[in-house]
Amino acid sequence: CAYGYAPHDIANHFCEWAGFECAWDRYPTAAQQARWLRAYLGAAATDAAVAHWLRMVRWFELSSHLFWGIWAFLQGALSTIDFP
Protein backbone atom coordinates (compact mmCIF):
# COMPACT_ATOMS: atom_id res chain seq x y z
CA CYS A 1 0.00 0.00 0.00
CA ALA A 2 1.23 3.46 -0.79
CA TYR A 3 -0.01 7.02 -0.66
CA GLY A 4 -2.09 7.83 -3.69
CA TYR A 5 -3.06 11.20 -5.07
CA ALA A 6 -6.76 11.95 -4.62
CA PRO A 7 -7.02 13.64 -8.07
CA HIS A 8 -5.67 10.46 -9.67
CA ASP A 9 -8.23 8.31 -7.86
CA ILE A 10 -11.04 10.69 -8.82
CA ALA A 11 -9.91 10.79 -12.46
CA ASN A 12 -9.77 7.00 -12.51
CA HIS A 13 -13.27 6.90 -10.99
CA PHE A 14 -14.56 9.14 -13.78
CA CYS A 15 -12.83 6.96 -16.39
CA GLU A 16 -14.58 3.92 -14.93
CA TRP A 17 -17.93 5.48 -15.85
CA ALA A 18 -17.18 4.36 -19.41
CA GLY A 19 -17.13 0.73 -18.26
CA PHE A 20 -15.44 -2.22 -19.91
CA GLU A 21 -17.13 -1.25 -23.16
CA CYS A 22 -15.19 2.05 -23.24
CA ALA A 23 -18.45 3.89 -23.90
CA TRP A 24 -16.90 7.34 -23.59
CA ASP A 25 -20.28 8.98 -24.11
CA ARG A 26 -20.97 7.90 -20.51
CA TYR A 27 -17.91 9.82 -19.26
CA PRO A 28 -19.12 12.55 -16.88
CA THR A 29 -19.50 16.03 -18.29
CA ALA A 30 -17.68 18.97 -16.70
CA ALA A 31 -20.93 19.88 -14.92
CA GLN A 32 -21.30 16.35 -13.53
CA GLN A 33 -17.68 16.35 -12.42
CA ALA A 34 -18.15 19.73 -10.71
CA ARG A 35 -21.25 18.46 -8.84
CA TRP A 36 -19.33 15.35 -7.77
CA LEU A 37 -16.38 17.45 -6.58
CA ARG A 38 -18.66 19.80 -4.64
CA ALA A 39 -20.02 16.81 -2.74
CA TYR A 40 -16.49 15.44 -2.24
CA LEU A 41 -15.09 18.74 -0.97
CA GLY A 42 -18.07 19.50 1.25
CA ALA A 43 -17.70 22.77 3.16
CA ALA A 44 -14.45 23.56 1.31
CA ALA A 45 -16.23 23.56 -2.08
CA THR A 46 -15.76 27.14 -3.18
CA ASP A 47 -15.97 27.93 -6.89
CA ALA A 48 -12.19 28.41 -6.94
CA ALA A 49 -11.56 25.11 -5.17
CA VAL A 50 -13.83 23.19 -7.54
CA ALA A 51 -12.15 24.80 -10.57
CA HIS A 52 -8.73 23.89 -9.16
CA TRP A 53 -9.76 20.28 -8.57
CA LEU A 54 -11.28 20.04 -12.04
CA ARG A 55 -7.92 21.11 -13.54
CA MET A 56 -6.00 18.62 -11.40
CA VAL A 57 -8.38 15.77 -12.22
CA ARG A 58 -8.11 16.56 -15.93
CA TRP A 59 -4.30 16.13 -15.77
CA PHE A 60 -4.57 12.91 -13.78
CA GLU A 61 -6.91 11.42 -16.41
CA LEU A 62 -3.74 11.02 -18.45
CA SER A 63 -1.96 9.06 -15.73
CA SER A 64 -5.00 6.84 -15.30
CA HIS A 65 -4.98 5.98 -19.01
CA LEU A 66 -1.22 5.41 -18.90
CA PHE A 67 -1.49 3.16 -15.84
CA TRP A 68 -4.22 0.98 -17.36
CA GLY A 69 -2.50 0.93 -20.76
CA ILE A 70 0.70 -0.42 -19.18
CA TRP A 71 -1.36 -2.92 -17.17
CA ALA A 72 -3.03 -4.13 -20.41
CA PHE A 73 0.32 -4.60 -22.17
CA LEU A 74 1.68 -6.58 -19.23
CA GLN A 75 -1.44 -8.72 -18.98
CA GLY A 76 -1.34 -9.37 -22.71
CA ALA A 77 2.25 -10.59 -22.42
CA LEU A 78 2.23 -12.39 -19.09
CA SER A 79 -1.29 -13.47 -18.16
CA THR A 80 -2.47 -17.03 -18.70
CA ILE A 81 -6.06 -15.77 -18.94
CA ASP A 82 -7.42 -15.91 -22.47
CA PHE A 83 -8.41 -12.31 -23.09
CA PRO A 84 -10.74 -12.06 -26.11
C-alpha atoms as a PDB file:
ATOM      1  CA  CYS A   1       0.000   0.000   0.000  1.00  0.00           C
ATOM      2  CA  ALA A   2       1.229   3.464  -0.793  1.00  0.00           C
ATOM      3  CA  TYR A   3      -0.006   7.017  -0.660  1.00  0.00           C
ATOM      4  CA  GLY A   4      -2.091   7.828  -3.695  1.00  0.00           C
ATOM      5  CA  TYR A   5      -3.064  11.197  -5.065  1.00  0.00           C
ATOM      6  CA  ALA A   6      -6.761  11.951  -4.623  1.00  0.00           C
ATOM      7  CA  PRO A   7      -7.022  13.637  -8.065  1.00  0.00           C
ATOM      8  CA  HIS A   8      -5.672  10.457  -9.671  1.00  0.00           C
ATOM      9  CA  ASP A   9      -8.233   8.312  -7.864  1.00  0.00           C
ATOM     10  CA  ILE A  10     -11.039  10.692  -8.823  1.00  0.00           C
ATOM     11  CA  ALA A  11      -9.906  10.790 -12.460  1.00  0.00           C
ATOM     12  CA  ASN A  12      -9.770   6.999 -12.508  1.00  0.00           C
ATOM     13  CA  HIS A  13     -13.270   6.901 -10.989  1.00  0.00           C
ATOM     14  CA  PHE A  14     -14.556   9.139 -13.777  1.00  0.00           C
ATOM     15  CA  CYS A  15     -12.831   6.959 -16.395  1.00  0.00           C
ATOM     16  CA  GLU A  16     -14.582   3.924 -14.928  1.00  0.00           C
ATOM     17  CA  TRP A  17     -17.933   5.479 -15.846  1.00  0.00           C
ATOM     18  CA  ALA A  18     -17.181   4.356 -19.413  1.00  0.00           C
ATOM     19  CA  GLY A  19     -17.131   0.735 -18.261  1.00  0.00           C
ATOM     20  CA  PHE A  20     -15.445  -2.216 -19.909  1.00  0.00           C
ATOM     21  CA  GLU A  21     -17.132  -1.248 -23.156  1.00  0.00           C
ATOM     22  CA  CYS A  22     -15.188   2.048 -23.239  1.00  0.00           C
ATOM     23  CA  ALA A  23     -18.446   3.887 -23.898  1.00  0.00           C
ATOM     24  CA  TRP A  24     -16.901   7.341 -23.593  1.00  0.00           C
ATOM     25  CA  ASP A  25     -20.280   8.985 -24.106  1.00  0.00           C
ATOM     26  CA  ARG A  26     -20.965   7.902 -20.510  1.00  0.00           C
ATOM     27  CA  TYR A  27     -17.907   9.818 -19.264  1.00  0.00           C
ATOM     28  CA  PRO A  28     -19.118  12.547 -16.881  1.00  0.00           C
ATOM     29  CA  THR A  29     -19.497  16.031 -18.285  1.00  0.00           C
ATOM     30  CA  ALA A  30     -17.680  18.967 -16.699  1.00  0.00           C
ATOM     31  CA  ALA A  31     -20.929  19.884 -14.916  1.00  0.00           C
ATOM     32  CA  GLN A  32     -21.298  16.348 -13.526  1.00  0.00           C
ATOM     33  CA  GLN A  33     -17.675  16.353 -12.417  1.00  0.00           C
ATOM     34  CA  ALA A  34     -18.150  19.735 -10.708  1.00  0.00           C
ATOM     35  CA  ARG A  35     -21.247  18.462  -8.845  1.00  0.00           C
ATOM     36  CA  TRP A  36     -19.335  15.352  -7.766  1.00  0.00           C
ATOM     37  CA  LEU A  37     -16.383  17.448  -6.578  1.00  0.00           C
ATOM     38  CA  ARG A  38     -18.660  19.804  -4.639  1.00  0.00           C
ATOM     39  CA  ALA A  39     -20.025  16.806  -2.744  1.00  0.00           C
ATOM     40  CA  TYR A  40     -16.492  15.442  -2.238  1.00  0.00           C
ATOM     41  CA  LEU A  41     -15.088  18.744  -0.971  1.00  0.00           C
ATOM     42  CA  GLY A  42     -18.068  19.503   1.254  1.00  0.00           C
ATOM     43  CA  ALA A  43     -17.697  22.770   3.161  1.00  0.00           C
ATOM     44  CA  ALA A  44     -14.450  23.565   1.314  1.00  0.00           C
ATOM     45  CA  ALA A  45     -16.228  23.562  -2.076  1.00  0.00           C
ATOM     46  CA  THR A  46     -15.764  27.144  -3.176  1.00  0.00           C
ATOM     47  CA  ASP A  47     -15.969  27.931  -6.894  1.00  0.00           C
ATOM     48  CA  ALA A  48     -12.186  28.413  -6.943  1.00  0.00           C
ATOM     49  CA  ALA A  49     -11.555  25.106  -5.167  1.00  0.00           C
ATOM     50  CA  VAL A  50     -13.828  23.194  -7.540  1.00  0.00           C
ATOM     51  CA  ALA A  51     -12.145  24.796 -10.572  1.00  0.00           C
ATOM     52  CA  HIS A  52      -8.730  23.894  -9.155  1.00  0.00           C
ATOM     53  CA  TRP A  53      -9.756  20.278  -8.569  1.00  0.00           C
ATOM     54  CA  LEU A  54     -11.280  20.041 -12.042  1.00  0.00           C
ATOM     55  CA  ARG A  55      -7.924  21.112 -13.537  1.00  0.00           C
ATOM     56  CA  MET A  56      -5.996  18.621 -11.405  1.00  0.00           C
ATOM     57  CA  VAL A  57      -8.380  15.774 -12.215  1.00  0.00           C
ATOM     58  CA  ARG A  58      -8.107  16.562 -15.932  1.00  0.00           C
ATOM     59  CA  TRP A  59      -4.303  16.125 -15.765  1.00  0.00           C
ATOM     60  CA  PHE A  60      -4.569  12.911 -13.783  1.00  0.00           C
ATOM     61  CA  GLU A  61      -6.908  11.421 -16.406  1.00  0.00           C
ATOM     62  CA  LEU A  62      -3.744  11.016 -18.452  1.00  0.00           C
ATOM     63  CA  SER A  63      -1.956   9.063 -15.729  1.00  0.00           C
ATOM     64  CA  SER A  64      -4.999   6.837 -15.296  1.00  0.00           C
ATOM     65  CA  HIS A  65      -4.978   5.978 -19.007  1.00  0.00           C
ATOM     66  CA  LEU A  66      -1.217   5.414 -18.901  1.00  0.00           C
ATOM     67  CA  PHE A  67      -1.492   3.155 -15.842  1.00  0.00           C
ATOM     68  CA  TRP A  68      -4.223   0.981 -17.360  1.00  0.00           C
ATOM     69  CA  GLY A  69      -2.501   0.932 -20.762  1.00  0.00           C
ATOM     70  CA  ILE A  70       0.696  -0.418 -19.182  1.00  0.00           C
ATOM     71  CA  TRP A  71      -1.362  -2.917 -17.173  1.00  0.00           C
ATOM     72  CA  ALA A  72      -3.026  -4.127 -20.406  1.00  0.00           C
ATOM     73  CA  PHE A  73       0.321  -4.604 -22.168  1.00  0.00           C
ATOM     74  CA  LEU A  74       1.680  -6.578 -19.230  1.00  0.00           C
ATOM     75  CA  GLN A  75      -1.438  -8.717 -18.977  1.00  0.00           C
ATOM     76  CA  GLY A  76      -1.344  -9.370 -22.713  1.00  0.00           C
ATOM     77  CA  ALA A  77       2.249 -10.587 -22.425  1.00  0.00           C
ATOM     78  CA  LEU A  78       2.230 -12.389 -19.085  1.00  0.00           C
ATOM     79  CA  SER A  79      -1.293 -13.473 -18.158  1.00  0.00           C
ATOM     80  CA  THR A  80      -2.469 -17.031 -18.704  1.00  0.00           C
ATOM     81  CA  ILE A  81      -6.064 -15.771 -18.939  1.00  0.00           C
ATOM     82  CA  ASP A  82      -7.417 -15.911 -22.474  1.00  0.00           C
ATOM     83  CA  PHE A  83      -8.413 -12.311 -23.090  1.00  0.00           C
ATOM     84  CA  PRO A  84     -10.743 -12.063 -26.111  1.00  0.00           C
END
